[in-house]
Amino acid sequence: GRFALAESGTLFLDEIGEVPLKNQVELLRALESREYQPLGDTQVHQADVRIIAATNRDLEASVGRGTFRDDLYYRLNVVPIDVPPLRDRQSDIPVLIETFLEEACRAYDQPLKRVDTETMERLIAHPWPGNVRELRNLIQRLVVTTAGPSILPRHLDDVLDNNSSADGERRFDVAVGSSIEDVEAELIRQTLHRITSNRRDAASILGISVRSLQYKLKKYKIS
């Protein structure tokens, strides 16, 4: 169905590293033959589609672990484009902030707000482990929680984690004698609370699948 909708256009496959092995076979077949057969359809259709795939996983490592097919990887890896993390392209941050500010103010029917110079400096210096999604969510939160026309440094105190170490890594304390399960539960809880509430992003940061994260949320009763 997606191939049909994208006919003569572009099909964007996000989080390609999450595709199960059984579906990777079907996708590879469609890419190689440029043919697809929708479920329940008796006819085989020709596909005229440009494919763009994205992932924040190391697919080469996934190939080595056997969780991603090597033939599909090489079929997709024709023109690789590496997008560095936000902390490595700080010059993009002011532009993104202005864009997200305008977007959020329009969405919440508020006058356009401005970011104070010192506030901008703090935002640029932040490590942004959740990348662009974290920045966008934070700007939306600031638009909602800031009453005045300007976003000042004090407005960041409640929404921006200031417990980063000198090398930009976030930390939380673990009591000596804690069980592995207690530590894992707290790591998941802190990731969702302090970095990103998006479960797909959180799973990627934690290095597990979305399904595994959902299982652990239920197991540890994390809401």
Protein backbone atom coordinates (compact mmCIF):
# COMPACT_ATOMS: atom_id res chain seq x y z
CA GLY A 1 0.00 0.00 0.00
CA ARG A 2 2.81 2.43 0.82
CA PHE A 3 4.54 1.64 -2.44
CA ALA A 4 1.31 2.41 -4.28
CA LEU A 5 0.86 5.73 -2.47
CA ALA A 6 4.45 6.73 -3.26
CA GLU A 7 4.19 5.88 -6.98
CA SER A 8 6.42 8.22 -9.06
CA GLY A 9 7.61 9.81 -5.81
CA THR A 10 9.63 9.07 -2.69
CA LEU A 11 8.99 6.46 -0.01
CA PHE A 12 10.65 7.37 3.31
CA LEU A 13 11.35 4.36 5.52
CA ASP A 14 12.01 5.70 9.02
CA GLU A 15 13.78 3.57 11.66
CA ILE A 16 14.68 0.92 9.07
CA GLY A 17 16.78 -0.84 11.71
CA GLU A 18 13.58 -1.80 13.57
CA VAL A 19 12.14 -3.87 10.69
CA PRO A 20 11.82 -7.55 11.73
CA LEU A 21 13.92 -10.05 9.80
CA LYS A 22 10.90 -11.70 8.17
CA ASN A 23 9.79 -8.35 6.75
CA GLN A 24 13.32 -7.50 5.64
CA VAL A 25 13.10 -10.37 3.15
CA GLU A 26 9.90 -8.95 1.65
CA LEU A 27 11.33 -5.44 1.49
CA LEU A 28 14.52 -6.63 -0.19
CA ARG A 29 12.48 -8.51 -2.78
CA ALA A 30 10.49 -5.37 -3.57
CA LEU A 31 13.64 -3.25 -3.86
CA GLU A 32 15.43 -5.76 -6.08
CA SER A 33 12.56 -6.60 -8.43
CA ARG A 34 10.73 -3.26 -8.20
CA GLU A 35 7.56 -5.28 -7.85
CA TYR A 36 5.07 -5.59 -5.00
CA GLN A 37 1.84 -7.40 -4.33
CA PRO A 38 -0.55 -5.81 -1.81
CA LEU A 39 -2.15 -8.14 0.72
CA GLY A 40 -5.28 -9.68 -0.79
CA ASP A 41 -4.43 -8.56 -4.32
CA THR A 42 -3.87 -11.21 -6.99
CA GLN A 43 -1.87 -8.90 -9.26
CA VAL A 44 1.81 -7.99 -9.07
CA HIS A 45 2.41 -4.24 -9.50
CA GLN A 46 5.46 -2.39 -10.79
CA ALA A 47 6.99 0.16 -8.42
CA ASP A 48 8.42 3.46 -9.61
CA VAL A 49 9.58 4.75 -6.25
CA ARG A 50 12.68 6.44 -4.85
CA ILE A 51 13.66 4.95 -1.47
CA ILE A 52 15.12 6.95 1.42
CA ALA A 53 15.77 4.99 4.62
CA ALA A 54 16.77 6.43 7.98
CA THR A 55 18.03 5.00 11.25
CA ASN A 56 20.00 6.06 14.30
CA ARG A 57 21.26 2.52 14.82
CA ASP A 58 24.63 1.19 13.69
CA LEU A 59 23.39 -1.07 10.91
CA GLU A 60 26.85 -2.54 10.31
CA ALA A 61 26.87 -3.72 13.91
CA SER A 62 23.32 -5.05 13.48
CA VAL A 63 24.49 -7.00 10.43
CA GLY A 64 27.31 -8.47 12.52
CA ARG A 65 24.82 -9.50 15.24
CA GLY A 66 22.54 -11.08 12.66
CA THR A 67 19.59 -8.77 13.40
CA PHE A 68 19.76 -7.01 10.03
CA ARG A 69 20.27 -8.72 6.67
CA ASP A 70 23.56 -7.89 4.99
CA ASP A 71 22.03 -8.02 1.49
CA LEU A 72 19.36 -5.48 2.46
CA TYR A 73 21.97 -3.28 4.12
CA TYR A 74 24.13 -3.15 0.98
CA ARG A 75 21.04 -2.62 -1.18
CA LEU A 76 20.04 0.43 0.87
CA ASN A 77 23.54 1.79 1.48
CA VAL A 78 23.98 3.37 -1.97
CA VAL A 79 24.32 7.07 -1.09
CA PRO A 80 24.81 7.29 2.69
CA ILE A 81 24.17 10.65 4.36
CA ASP A 82 25.51 10.96 7.89
CA VAL A 83 23.60 13.50 10.02
CA PRO A 84 25.75 14.42 13.05
CA PRO A 85 24.09 14.74 16.48
CA LEU A 86 22.82 18.21 17.35
CA ARG A 87 25.65 18.83 19.81
CA ASP A 88 28.12 18.59 16.91
CA ARG A 89 26.33 21.20 14.78
CA GLN A 90 25.69 23.99 17.26
CA SER A 91 25.33 26.58 14.49
CA ASP A 92 22.01 24.92 13.59
CA ILE A 93 20.54 25.39 17.07
CA PRO A 94 19.55 29.12 16.83
CA VAL A 95 17.89 28.51 13.45
CA LEU A 96 15.97 25.51 14.80
CA ILE A 97 14.94 27.45 17.91
CA GLU A 98 13.50 30.29 15.85
CA THR A 99 11.67 27.81 13.62
CA PHE A 100 10.23 25.84 16.55
CA LEU A 101 9.30 29.05 18.40
CA GLU A 102 7.27 30.32 15.46
CA GLU A 103 5.68 26.91 14.99
CA ALA A 104 4.74 26.49 18.68
CA CYS A 105 3.44 30.06 19.13
CA ARG A 106 1.21 29.62 16.09
CA ALA A 107 0.00 26.20 17.30
CA TYR A 108 -0.85 27.50 20.79
CA ASP A 109 -2.25 30.83 19.48
CA GLN A 110 0.31 32.97 21.33
CA PRO A 111 2.24 36.09 20.29
CA LEU A 112 5.69 35.30 18.95
CA LYS A 113 8.19 35.01 21.80
CA ARG A 114 11.88 35.82 21.70
CA VAL A 115 14.82 34.06 23.32
CA ASP A 116 17.11 36.12 25.55
CA THR A 117 20.81 36.17 24.56
CA GLU A 118 21.97 34.37 27.70
CA THR A 119 19.18 31.83 27.29
CA MET A 120 20.31 31.16 23.73
CA GLU A 121 23.88 30.61 24.93
CA ARG A 122 22.70 28.04 27.47
CA LEU A 123 20.61 26.25 24.87
CA ILE A 124 23.55 26.14 22.45
CA ALA A 125 25.83 24.75 25.17
CA HIS A 126 23.37 21.99 26.16
CA PRO A 127 24.46 18.50 24.95
CA TRP A 128 20.99 17.57 23.56
CA PRO A 129 21.17 13.78 23.95
CA GLY A 130 17.64 13.60 22.52
CA ASN A 131 18.76 15.62 19.46
CA VAL A 132 16.25 17.70 17.48
CA ARG A 133 13.18 16.07 19.03
CA GLU A 134 14.35 17.05 22.52
CA LEU A 135 14.94 20.65 21.39
CA ARG A 136 11.53 20.85 19.73
CA ASN A 137 9.73 19.44 22.78
CA LEU A 138 11.55 21.86 25.08
CA ILE A 139 10.64 24.89 22.95
CA GLN A 140 7.00 23.81 22.94
CA ARG A 141 7.11 23.49 26.73
CA LEU A 142 8.69 26.93 27.10
CA VAL A 143 6.04 28.53 24.90
CA VAL A 144 3.32 27.05 27.10
CA THR A 145 4.94 27.77 30.48
CA THR A 146 6.45 31.23 29.85
CA ALA A 147 4.01 34.06 30.51
CA GLY A 148 5.97 37.02 29.14
CA PRO A 149 7.20 37.82 25.62
CA SER A 150 10.81 36.80 26.37
CA ILE A 151 12.27 33.43 27.38
CA LEU A 152 14.86 34.17 30.08
CA PRO A 153 17.55 31.98 31.70
CA ARG A 154 15.39 31.45 34.80
CA HIS A 155 12.72 29.86 32.62
CA LEU A 156 15.15 27.05 31.81
CA ASP A 157 15.66 26.00 35.42
CA ASP A 158 12.56 23.80 35.54
CA VAL A 159 12.66 22.45 31.98
CA LEU A 160 16.36 21.98 31.21
CA ASP A 161 18.39 19.40 33.07
CA ASN A 162 21.29 21.14 34.78
CA ASN A 163 22.77 17.96 36.23
CA SER A 164 25.08 17.31 33.29
CA SER A 165 28.66 16.40 33.99
CA ALA A 166 31.56 18.39 32.59
CA ASP A 167 31.87 16.13 29.57
CA GLY A 168 28.17 16.56 28.73
CA GLU A 169 26.97 13.21 30.03
CA ARG A 170 23.90 13.01 32.24
CA ARG A 171 24.15 11.03 35.44
CA PHE A 172 21.96 9.74 38.23
CA ASP A 173 22.99 8.28 41.55
CA VAL A 174 22.66 4.58 42.31
CA ALA A 175 22.57 3.40 45.91
CA VAL A 176 25.13 0.74 46.81
CA GLY A 177 23.34 -2.59 47.15
CA SER A 178 20.74 -1.85 44.47
CA SER A 179 19.69 -4.77 42.32
CA ILE A 180 20.27 -4.86 38.56
CA GLU A 181 16.51 -4.59 38.06
CA ASP A 182 16.33 -1.50 40.30
CA VAL A 183 19.11 0.18 38.33
CA GLU A 184 17.52 -0.72 34.99
CA ALA A 185 14.12 0.56 36.09
CA GLU A 186 15.61 3.84 37.31
CA LEU A 187 17.61 4.29 34.09
CA ILE A 188 14.45 3.86 32.01
CA ARG A 189 12.52 6.19 34.31
CA GLN A 190 15.20 8.89 34.15
CA THR A 191 15.52 8.60 30.37
CA LEU A 192 11.79 9.10 29.89
CA HIS A 193 11.60 11.91 32.45
CA ARG A 194 14.80 13.89 31.86
CA ILE A 195 15.68 13.26 28.22
CA THR A 196 12.60 12.37 26.16
CA SER A 197 9.09 11.11 26.80
CA ASN A 198 8.90 9.70 23.27
CA ARG A 199 9.12 5.92 23.69
CA ARG A 200 10.69 5.28 20.28
CA ASP A 201 13.42 7.85 21.00
CA ALA A 202 13.91 6.51 24.52
CA ALA A 203 14.27 2.95 23.22
CA SER A 204 16.89 4.13 20.73
CA ILE A 205 18.86 5.96 23.45
CA LEU A 206 18.69 2.89 25.72
CA GLY A 207 19.77 0.59 22.87
CA ILE A 208 16.71 -1.64 23.00
CA SER A 209 13.69 -2.18 20.76
CA VAL A 210 10.40 -0.37 21.33
CA ARG A 211 8.79 -3.72 22.12
CA SER A 212 11.41 -4.43 24.79
CA LEU A 213 10.90 -0.99 26.29
CA GLN A 214 7.14 -1.51 26.44
CA TYR A 215 7.69 -4.86 28.17
CA LYS A 216 10.01 -3.29 30.74
CA LEU A 217 7.63 -0.39 31.38
CA LYS A 218 4.93 -2.91 32.21
CA LYS A 219 7.33 -5.08 34.22
CA TYR A 220 8.57 -2.17 36.37
CA LYS A 221 5.15 -0.47 36.45
CA ILE A 222 6.51 2.76 34.96
CA SER A 223 3.79 5.05 33.66
